[in-house]
Amino acid sequence: MVRGRGEGRLVDSLPRMANIKSQIKRNRQNEKAHVRNTAVKSSLKTSQKKVLTAVAAGDTDAAHQSARETSRQLDKAASKGVLHKKTVARRKSRLAKAANKTGGA
């Protein structure tokens, strides 16, 4: 196992273009899914941040409203397979806990 040019990868593991039709298609599909999943994850981070900023500002109504919207987005991400359902459950729980700290219901 010879290392190449200090890049930390094996010389034999250079990226290659697939020459099998089904693998070329699979690579295209994976790239599209990757782009879509990245966009969804980024959107989720933004909406979670909205909840946390509302909590920090002490705005109860905005915190609860944002938490509901974020919860819905998280459920959609789980149903589409972007996030694992237990990851979604954990994040929803943490957001609800944070929103409830502001008081009120």
Protein backbone atom coordinates (compact mmCIF):
# COMPACT_ATOMS: atom_id res chain seq x y z
CA MET A 1 0.00 0.00 0.00
CA VAL A 2 1.95 2.91 -1.36
CA ARG A 3 0.79 6.40 -0.50
CA GLY A 4 0.79 8.98 -3.27
CA ARG A 5 2.08 12.54 -2.95
CA GLY A 6 1.17 12.97 0.72
CA GLU A 7 -2.55 13.19 -0.04
CA GLY A 8 -3.38 10.43 2.44
CA ARG A 9 -5.03 8.19 -0.12
CA LEU A 10 -3.87 5.06 -1.83
CA VAL A 11 -2.37 5.32 -5.31
CA ASP A 12 -4.83 2.70 -6.57
CA SER A 13 -7.89 4.60 -5.31
CA LEU A 14 -7.89 7.48 -7.77
CA PRO A 15 -11.35 8.57 -8.97
CA ARG A 16 -12.36 6.87 -12.19
CA MET A 17 -15.23 7.30 -14.60
CA ALA A 18 -17.65 4.41 -14.55
CA ASN A 19 -17.97 2.57 -17.86
CA ILE A 20 -21.12 0.63 -17.00
CA LYS A 21 -24.36 2.27 -18.07
CA SER A 22 -26.23 1.52 -14.86
CA GLN A 23 -23.38 2.83 -12.72
CA ILE A 24 -23.18 6.05 -14.73
CA LYS A 25 -26.92 6.53 -14.11
CA ARG A 26 -26.52 5.67 -10.42
CA ASN A 27 -23.75 8.29 -10.12
CA ARG A 28 -26.03 10.91 -11.71
CA GLN A 29 -28.87 10.00 -9.35
CA ASN A 30 -26.58 10.11 -6.32
CA GLU A 31 -25.35 13.57 -7.27
CA LYS A 32 -28.90 14.91 -7.67
CA ALA A 33 -29.93 13.41 -4.33
CA HIS A 34 -26.81 14.83 -2.67
CA VAL A 35 -27.59 18.34 -3.88
CA ARG A 36 -31.24 18.04 -2.81
CA ASN A 37 -30.36 16.60 0.62
CA THR A 38 -27.78 19.32 1.22
CA ALA A 39 -30.38 22.00 0.45
CA VAL A 40 -32.93 20.40 2.82
CA LYS A 41 -30.38 20.09 5.63
CA SER A 42 -29.34 23.71 5.19
CA SER A 43 -32.97 24.84 5.32
CA LEU A 44 -33.51 22.81 8.49
CA LYS A 45 -30.51 24.42 10.17
CA THR A 46 -31.89 27.86 9.32
CA SER A 47 -35.35 27.10 10.73
CA GLN A 48 -33.85 25.58 13.90
CA LYS A 49 -31.78 28.72 14.33
CA LYS A 50 -34.95 30.82 14.08
CA VAL A 51 -36.41 28.93 17.03
CA LEU A 52 -33.28 29.37 19.10
CA THR A 53 -33.00 33.10 18.34
CA ALA A 54 -36.67 33.58 19.27
CA VAL A 55 -36.01 31.73 22.55
CA ALA A 56 -32.94 33.88 23.22
CA ALA A 57 -34.98 37.03 22.55
CA GLY A 58 -37.70 35.78 24.91
CA ASP A 59 -40.40 35.91 22.21
CA THR A 60 -42.73 33.09 23.29
CA ASP A 61 -45.19 33.25 20.40
CA ALA A 62 -42.49 33.36 17.73
CA ALA A 63 -40.58 30.53 19.42
CA HIS A 64 -43.63 28.24 19.53
CA GLN A 65 -44.69 29.12 15.98
CA SER A 66 -41.17 28.51 14.62
CA ALA A 67 -40.92 25.26 16.59
CA ARG A 68 -44.16 23.99 15.00
CA GLU A 69 -42.98 24.88 11.49
CA THR A 70 -39.56 23.35 12.08
CA SER A 71 -41.15 20.21 13.50
CA ARG A 72 -43.17 19.83 10.33
CA GLN A 73 -40.08 20.32 8.15
CA LEU A 74 -38.18 17.74 10.19
CA ASP A 75 -40.99 15.22 9.74
CA LYS A 76 -40.91 15.78 5.98
CA ALA A 77 -37.13 15.28 5.94
CA ALA A 78 -37.57 11.98 7.80
CA SER A 79 -40.26 10.77 5.40
CA LYS A 80 -38.06 11.60 2.41
CA GLY A 81 -35.11 9.78 3.94
CA VAL A 82 -32.92 12.86 4.34
CA LEU A 83 -32.63 12.32 8.10
CA HIS A 84 -33.17 9.26 10.28
CA LYS A 85 -36.44 9.22 12.20
CA LYS A 86 -34.68 9.00 15.57
CA THR A 87 -32.50 11.98 14.68
CA VAL A 88 -35.66 13.89 13.85
CA ALA A 89 -37.29 12.84 17.14
CA ARG A 90 -34.26 14.01 19.10
CA ARG A 91 -34.12 17.37 17.34
CA LYS A 92 -37.86 17.96 17.74
CA SER A 93 -37.61 17.16 21.43
CA ARG A 94 -34.75 19.59 21.94
CA LEU A 95 -36.57 22.35 20.05
CA ALA A 96 -39.77 21.81 22.05
CA LYS A 97 -37.77 21.91 25.28
CA ALA A 98 -36.11 25.16 24.23
CA ALA A 99 -39.42 26.73 23.13
CA ASN A 100 -41.07 25.76 26.44
CA LYS A 101 -38.31 27.46 28.42
CA THR A 102 -39.66 30.83 27.26
CA GLY A 103 -42.84 30.17 29.24
CA GLY A 104 -46.43 30.17 28.10
CA ALA A 105 -47.93 27.63 25.71
